[in-house]
């Protein structure tokens, strides 16, 4: 049985493109007038995948000086 690749090499632009495509797909599904349970399940899966991608990001925070978020 083949094994899955667990090491992906994506740059920031490629990851941003994937996230944008997932958001467009989710938006298109939620705007349909005839929503089925399959569409709801797929929208939920897309939402969970976007959450996983977000949680794996490392955000920059300076180690020295005062941090001003905004």
PDB file of N, CA and C in Angstrom:
ATOM      1  N   UNK A   1       0.848  -1.180   0.000  1.00  0.00           N
ATOM      2  CA  UNK A   1       0.000   0.000   0.000  1.00  0.00           C
ATOM      3  C   UNK A   1       0.894   1.244   0.000  1.00  0.00           C
ATOM      4  N   UNK A   2       0.622   2.214  -0.856  1.00  0.00           N
ATOM      5  CA  UNK A   2       1.451   3.411  -0.911  1.00  0.00           C
ATOM      6  C   UNK A   2       1.277   4.271   0.341  1.00  0.00           C
ATOM      7  N   UNK A   3       2.321   4.995   0.661  1.00  0.00           N
ATOM      8  CA  UNK A   3       2.284   5.888   1.814  1.00  0.00           C
ATOM      9  C   UNK A   3       2.031   7.318   1.335  1.00  0.00           C
ATOM     10  N   UNK A   4       1.408   8.105   2.179  1.00  0.00           N
ATOM     11  CA  UNK A   4       1.130   9.498   1.861  1.00  0.00           C
ATOM     12  C   UNK A   4       2.362  10.353   2.120  1.00  0.00           C
ATOM     13  N   UNK A   5       2.507  11.398   1.331  1.00  0.00           N
ATOM     14  CA  UNK A   5       3.571  12.364   1.533  1.00  0.00           C
ATOM     15  C   UNK A   5       3.162  13.267   2.703  1.00  0.00           C
ATOM     16  N   UNK A   6       3.996  13.340   3.716  1.00  0.00           N
ATOM     17  CA  UNK A   6       3.680  14.186   4.877  1.00  0.00           C
ATOM     18  C   UNK A   6       4.502  15.466   4.897  1.00  0.00           C
ATOM     19  N   UNK A   7       5.350  15.664   3.895  1.00  0.00           N
ATOM     20  CA  UNK A   7       6.187  16.851   3.841  1.00  0.00           C
ATOM     21  C   UNK A   7       5.861  17.622   2.568  1.00  0.00           C
ATOM     22  N   UNK A   8       5.221  18.763   2.716  1.00  0.00           N
ATOM     23  CA  UNK A   8       4.863  19.593   1.572  1.00  0.00           C
ATOM     24  C   UNK A   8       5.716  20.844   1.573  1.00  0.00           C
ATOM     25  N   UNK A   9       6.156  21.251   0.408  1.00  0.00           N
ATOM     26  CA  UNK A   9       6.975  22.453   0.282  1.00  0.00           C
ATOM     27  C   UNK A   9       6.181  23.497  -0.489  1.00  0.00           C
ATOM     28  N   UNK A  10       5.464  24.331   0.258  1.00  0.00           N
ATOM     29  CA  UNK A  10       4.670  25.410  -0.325  1.00  0.00           C
ATOM     30  C   UNK A  10       5.215  26.740   0.163  1.00  0.00           C
ATOM     31  N   UNK A  11       5.288  27.709  -0.736  1.00  0.00           N
ATOM     32  CA  UNK A  11       5.710  29.026  -0.286  1.00  0.00           C
ATOM     33  C   UNK A  11       4.477  29.824   0.152  1.00  0.00           C
ATOM     34  N   UNK A  12       4.690  31.007   0.637  1.00  0.00           N
ATOM     35  CA  UNK A  12       3.603  31.816   1.192  1.00  0.00           C
ATOM     36  C   UNK A  12       2.565  32.158   0.132  1.00  0.00           C
ATOM     37  N   UNK A  13       3.006  32.486  -1.077  1.00  0.00           N
ATOM     38  CA  UNK A  13       2.068  32.843  -2.140  1.00  0.00           C
ATOM     39  C   UNK A  13       1.189  31.651  -2.527  1.00  0.00           C
ATOM     40  N   UNK A  14       1.765  30.460  -2.584  1.00  0.00           N
ATOM     41  CA  UNK A  14       0.989  29.271  -2.926  1.00  0.00           C
ATOM     42  C   UNK A  14      -0.036  28.948  -1.845  1.00  0.00           C
ATOM     43  N   UNK A  15       0.363  29.085  -0.599  1.00  0.00           N
ATOM     44  CA  UNK A  15      -0.565  28.847   0.503  1.00  0.00           C
ATOM     45  C   UNK A  15      -1.686  29.877   0.506  1.00  0.00           C
ATOM     46  N   UNK A  16      -1.356  31.122   0.201  1.00  0.00           N
ATOM     47  CA  UNK A  16      -2.364  32.178   0.114  1.00  0.00           C
ATOM     48  C   UNK A  16      -3.357  31.894  -1.010  1.00  0.00           C
ATOM     49  N   UNK A  17      -2.856  31.391  -2.134  1.00  0.00           N
ATOM     50  CA  UNK A  17      -3.717  31.032  -3.263  1.00  0.00           C
ATOM     51  C   UNK A  17      -4.674  29.892  -2.889  1.00  0.00           C
ATOM     52  N   UNK A  18      -4.182  28.902  -2.176  1.00  0.00           N
ATOM     53  CA  UNK A  18      -5.025  27.791  -1.723  1.00  0.00           C
ATOM     54  C   UNK A  18      -6.116  28.293  -0.784  1.00  0.00           C
ATOM     55  N   UNK A  19      -5.752  29.151   0.162  1.00  0.00           N
ATOM     56  CA  UNK A  19      -6.729  29.693   1.106  1.00  0.00           C
ATOM     57  C   UNK A  19      -7.798  30.513   0.382  1.00  0.00           C
ATOM     58  N   UNK A  20      -7.385  31.329  -0.581  1.00  0.00           N
ATOM     59  CA  UNK A  20      -8.343  32.153  -1.323  1.00  0.00           C
ATOM     60  C   UNK A  20      -9.311  31.275  -2.117  1.00  0.00           C
ATOM     61  N   UNK A  21      -8.791  30.223  -2.732  1.00  0.00           N
ATOM     62  CA  UNK A  21      -9.653  29.311  -3.498  1.00  0.00           C
ATOM     63  C   UNK A  21     -10.640  28.597  -2.589  1.00  0.00           C
ATOM     64  N   UNK A  22     -10.196  28.190  -1.413  1.00  0.00           N
ATOM     65  CA  UNK A  22     -11.102  27.539  -0.468  1.00  0.00           C
ATOM     66  C   UNK A  22     -12.188  28.510   0.009  1.00  0.00           C
ATOM     67  N   UNK A  23     -11.802  29.757   0.260  1.00  0.00           N
ATOM     68  CA  UNK A  23     -12.806  30.759   0.692  1.00  0.00           C
ATOM     69  C   UNK A  23     -13.837  31.010  -0.404  1.00  0.00           C
ATOM     70  N   UNK A  24     -13.379  31.108  -1.669  1.00  0.00           N
ATOM     71  CA  UNK A  24     -14.319  31.304  -2.783  1.00  0.00           C
ATOM     72  C   UNK A  24     -15.258  30.114  -2.931  1.00  0.00           C
ATOM     73  N   UNK A  25     -14.722  28.924  -2.785  1.00  0.00           N
ATOM     74  CA  UNK A  25     -15.540  27.717  -2.893  1.00  0.00           C
ATOM     75  C   UNK A  25     -16.577  27.669  -1.776  1.00  0.00           C
ATOM     76  N   UNK A  26     -16.160  28.007  -0.578  1.00  0.00           N
ATOM     77  CA  UNK A  26     -17.094  28.011   0.561  1.00  0.00           C
ATOM     78  C   UNK A  26     -18.172  29.069   0.365  1.00  0.00           C
ATOM     79  N   UNK A  27     -17.789  30.252  -0.109  1.00  0.00           N
ATOM     80  CA  UNK A  27     -18.752  31.321  -0.348  1.00  0.00           C
ATOM     81  C   UNK A  27     -19.751  30.927  -1.426  1.00  0.00           C
ATOM     82  N   UNK A  28     -19.279  30.317  -2.494  1.00  0.00           N
ATOM     83  CA  UNK A  28     -20.167  29.893  -3.573  1.00  0.00           C
ATOM     84  C   UNK A  28     -21.167  28.857  -3.077  1.00  0.00           C
ATOM     85  N   UNK A  29     -20.736  27.968  -2.207  1.00  0.00           N
ATOM     86  CA  UNK A  29     -21.650  26.948  -1.692  1.00  0.00           C
ATOM     87  C   UNK A  29     -22.681  27.528  -0.743  1.00  0.00           C
ATOM     88  N   UNK A  30     -22.285  28.492   0.057  1.00  0.00           N
ATOM     89  CA  UNK A  30     -23.227  29.058   1.018  1.00  0.00           C
ATOM     90  C   UNK A  30     -24.203  30.026   0.362  1.00  0.00           C
ATOM     91  N   UNK A  31     -23.901  30.524  -0.848  1.00  0.00           N
ATOM     92  CA  UNK A  31     -24.797  31.453  -1.526  1.00  0.00           C
ATOM     93  C   UNK A  31     -25.834  30.752  -2.391  1.00  0.00           C
ATOM     94  N   UNK A  32     -25.675  29.454  -2.609  1.00  0.00           N
ATOM     95  CA  UNK A  32     -26.662  28.720  -3.410  1.00  0.00           C
ATOM     96  C   UNK A  32     -28.010  28.720  -2.697  1.00  0.00           C
ATOM     97  N   UNK A  33     -29.086  28.897  -3.476  1.00  0.00           N
ATOM     98  CA  UNK A  33     -30.420  28.902  -2.905  1.00  0.00           C
ATOM     99  C   UNK A  33     -30.843  27.511  -2.445  1.00  0.00           C
ATOM    100  N   UNK A  34     -30.438  26.502  -3.172  1.00  0.00           N
ATOM    101  CA  UNK A  34     -30.816  25.128  -2.850  1.00  0.00           C
ATOM    102  C   UNK A  34     -29.674  24.462  -2.087  1.00  0.00           C
ATOM    103  N   UNK A  35     -29.657  24.683  -0.785  1.00  0.00           N
ATOM    104  CA  UNK A  35     -28.602  24.094   0.017  1.00  0.00           C
ATOM    105  C   UNK A  35     -29.030  22.707   0.478  1.00  0.00           C
ATOM    106  N   UNK A  36     -28.159  21.752   0.291  1.00  0.00           N
ATOM    107  CA  UNK A  36     -28.430  20.397   0.746  1.00  0.00           C
ATOM    108  C   UNK A  36     -27.522  20.078   1.930  1.00  0.00           C
ATOM    109  N   UNK A  37     -27.760  18.958   2.552  1.00  0.00           N
ATOM    110  CA  UNK A  37     -26.910  18.560   3.671  1.00  0.00           C
ATOM    111  C   UNK A  37     -25.493  18.256   3.187  1.00  0.00           C
ATOM    112  N   UNK A  38     -25.359  17.787   1.928  1.00  0.00           N
ATOM    113  CA  UNK A  38     -24.023  17.543   1.374  1.00  0.00           C
ATOM    114  C   UNK A  38     -23.246  18.844   1.230  1.00  0.00           C
ATOM    115  N   UNK A  39     -23.924  19.899   0.782  1.00  0.00           N
ATOM    116  CA  UNK A  39     -23.271  21.203   0.635  1.00  0.00           C
ATOM    117  C   UNK A  39     -22.883  21.748   2.002  1.00  0.00           C
ATOM    118  N   UNK A  40     -23.739  21.549   2.997  1.00  0.00           N
ATOM    119  CA  UNK A  40     -23.407  21.996   4.347  1.00  0.00           C
ATOM    120  C   UNK A  40     -22.203  21.245   4.897  1.00  0.00           C
ATOM    121  N   UNK A  41     -22.158  19.934   4.639  1.00  0.00           N
ATOM    122  CA  UNK A  41     -21.028  19.130   5.097  1.00  0.00           C
ATOM    123  C   UNK A  41     -19.734  19.574   4.424  1.00  0.00           C
ATOM    124  N   UNK A  42     -19.806  19.841   3.123  1.00  0.00           N
ATOM    125  CA  UNK A  42     -18.607  20.272   2.407  1.00  0.00           C
ATOM    126  C   UNK A  42     -18.150  21.651   2.879  1.00  0.00           C
ATOM    127  N   UNK A  43     -19.092  22.554   3.129  1.00  0.00           N
ATOM    128  CA  UNK A  43     -18.739  23.886   3.641  1.00  0.00           C
ATOM    129  C   UNK A  43     -18.090  23.760   5.016  1.00  0.00           C
ATOM    130  N   UNK A  44     -18.576  22.850   5.836  1.00  0.00           N
ATOM    131  CA  UNK A  44     -17.993  22.625   7.158  1.00  0.00           C
ATOM    132  C   UNK A  44     -16.581  22.061   7.027  1.00  0.00           C
ATOM    133  N   UNK A  45     -16.376  21.153   6.089  1.00  0.00           N
ATOM    134  CA  UNK A  45     -15.045  20.590   5.872  1.00  0.00           C
ATOM    135  C   UNK A  45     -14.063  21.655   5.396  1.00  0.00           C
ATOM    136  N   UNK A  46     -14.523  22.531   4.500  1.00  0.00           N
ATOM    137  CA  UNK A  46     -13.676  23.632   4.024  1.00  0.00           C
ATOM    138  C   UNK A  46     -13.326  24.556   5.179  1.00  0.00           C
ATOM    139  N   UNK A  47     -14.304  24.866   6.007  1.00  0.00           N
ATOM    140  CA  UNK A  47     -14.084  25.736   7.169  1.00  0.00           C
ATOM    141  C   UNK A  47     -13.053  25.111   8.113  1.00  0.00           C
ATOM    142  N   UNK A  48     -13.172  23.811   8.371  1.00  0.00           N
ATOM    143  CA  UNK A  48     -12.219  23.129   9.250  1.00  0.00           C
ATOM    144  C   UNK A  48     -10.820  23.110   8.650  1.00  0.00           C
ATOM    145  N   UNK A  49     -10.726  22.906   7.340  1.00  0.00           N
ATOM    146  CA  UNK A  49      -9.428  22.907   6.678  1.00  0.00           C
ATOM    147  C   UNK A  49      -8.783  24.286   6.743  1.00  0.00           C
ATOM    148  N   UNK A  50      -9.564  25.336   6.528  1.00  0.00           N
ATOM    149  CA  UNK A  50      -9.026  26.696   6.645  1.00  0.00           C
ATOM    150  C   UNK A  50      -8.532  26.953   8.068  1.00  0.00           C
ATOM    151  N   UNK A  51      -9.252  26.429   9.047  1.00  0.00           N
ATOM    152  CA  UNK A  51      -8.820  26.572  10.440  1.00  0.00           C
ATOM    153  C   UNK A  51      -7.506  25.864  10.699  1.00  0.00           C
ATOM    154  N   UNK A  52      -7.339  24.670  10.143  1.00  0.00           N
ATOM    155  CA  UNK A  52      -6.083  23.934  10.314  1.00  0.00           C
ATOM    156  C   UNK A  52      -4.911  24.679   9.669  1.00  0.00           C
ATOM    157  N   UNK A  53      -5.150  25.232   8.478  1.00  0.00           N
ATOM    158  CA  UNK A  53      -4.091  26.005   7.817  1.00  0.00           C
ATOM    159  C   UNK A  53      -3.717  27.224   8.652  1.00  0.00           C
ATOM    160  N   UNK A  54      -4.710  27.896   9.197  1.00  0.00           N
ATOM    161  CA  UNK A  54      -4.458  29.090  10.010  1.00  0.00           C
ATOM    162  C   UNK A  54      -3.671  28.726  11.271  1.00  0.00           C
ATOM    163  N   UNK A  55      -4.038  27.628  11.918  1.00  0.00           N
ATOM    164  CA  UNK A  55      -3.386  27.244  13.171  1.00  0.00           C
ATOM    165  C   UNK A  55      -1.943  26.792  12.970  1.00  0.00           C
ATOM    166  N   UNK A  56      -1.549  26.446  11.750  1.00  0.00           N
ATOM    167  CA  UNK A  56      -0.177  26.022  11.497  1.00  0.00           C
ATOM    168  C   UNK A  56       0.742  27.187  11.132  1.00  0.00           C
ATOM    169  N   UNK A  57       0.185  28.364  11.004  1.00  0.00           N
ATOM    170  CA  UNK A  57       1.008  29.523  10.656  1.00  0.00           C
ATOM    171  C   UNK A  57       1.782  30.008  11.874  1.00  0.00           C
ATOM    172  N   UNK A  58       2.952  30.559  11.617  1.00  0.00           N
ATOM    173  CA  UNK A  58       3.755  31.178  12.660  1.00  0.00           C
ATOM    174  C   UNK A  58       3.750  32.676  12.395  1.00  0.00           C
ATOM    175  N   UNK A  59       3.131  33.413  13.295  1.00  0.00           N
ATOM    176  CA  UNK A  59       3.013  34.848  13.117  1.00  0.00           C
ATOM    177  C   UNK A  59       4.207  35.549  13.759  1.00  0.00           C
ATOM    178  N   UNK A  60       4.655  36.616  13.121  1.00  0.00           N
ATOM    179  CA  UNK A  60       5.813  37.360  13.588  1.00  0.00           C
ATOM    180  C   UNK A  60       5.445  38.208  14.790  1.00  0.00           C
ATOM    181  N   UNK A  61       6.259  38.124  15.804  1.00  0.00           N
ATOM    182  CA  UNK A  61       6.112  38.984  16.979  1.00  0.00           C
ATOM    183  C   UNK A  61       7.531  39.326  17.427  1.00  0.00           C
ATOM    184  N   UNK A  62       7.874  40.604  17.466  1.00  0.00           N
ATOM    185  CA  UNK A  62       9.242  40.973  17.828  1.00  0.00           C
ATOM    186  C   UNK A  62       9.573  40.534  19.259  1.00  0.00           C
ATOM    187  N   UNK A  63      10.812  40.093  19.450  1.00  0.00           N
ATOM    188  CA  UNK A  63      11.234  39.641  20.772  1.00  0.00           C
ATOM    189  C   UNK A  63      11.722  40.793  21.636  1.00  0.00           C
ATOM    190  N   UNK A  64      12.153  41.872  21.005  1.00  0.00           N
ATOM    191  CA  UNK A  64      12.643  43.024  21.760  1.00  0.00           C
ATOM    192  C   UNK A  64      11.723  44.206  21.547  1.00  0.00           C
ATOM    193  N   UNK A  65      11.628  45.046  22.528  1.00  0.00           N
ATOM    194  CA  UNK A  65      10.834  46.256  22.401  1.00  0.00           C
ATOM    195  C   UNK A  65       9.360  45.996  22.688  1.00  0.00           C
ATOM    196  N   UNK A  66       8.584  47.043  22.584  1.00  0.00           N
ATOM    197  CA  UNK A  66       7.160  46.973  22.862  1.00  0.00           C
ATOM    198  C   UNK A  66       6.437  46.501  21.621  1.00  0.00           C
ATOM    199  N   UNK A  67       5.553  45.544  21.809  1.00  0.00           N
ATOM    200  CA  UNK A  67       4.752  45.041  20.685  1.00  0.00           C
ATOM    201  C   UNK A  67       3.442  45.821  20.634  1.00  0.00           C
ATOM    202  N   UNK A  68       3.157  46.419  19.485  1.00  0.00           N
ATOM    203  CA  UNK A  68       1.922  47.150  19.282  1.00  0.00           C
ATOM    204  C   UNK A  68       1.151  46.415  18.187  1.00  0.00           C
ATOM    205  N   UNK A  69       0.116  45.727  18.581  1.00  0.00           N
ATOM    206  CA  UNK A  69      -0.695  44.986  17.598  1.00  0.00           C
ATOM    207  C   UNK A  69      -1.775  45.892  17.034  1.00  0.00           C
ATOM    208  N   UNK A  70      -2.304  45.483  15.935  1.00  0.00           N
ATOM    209  CA  UNK A  70      -3.320  46.352  15.392  1.00  0.00           C
ATOM    210  C   UNK A  70      -3.964  45.797  14.275  1.00  0.00           C
TER     211      UNK A  70
END
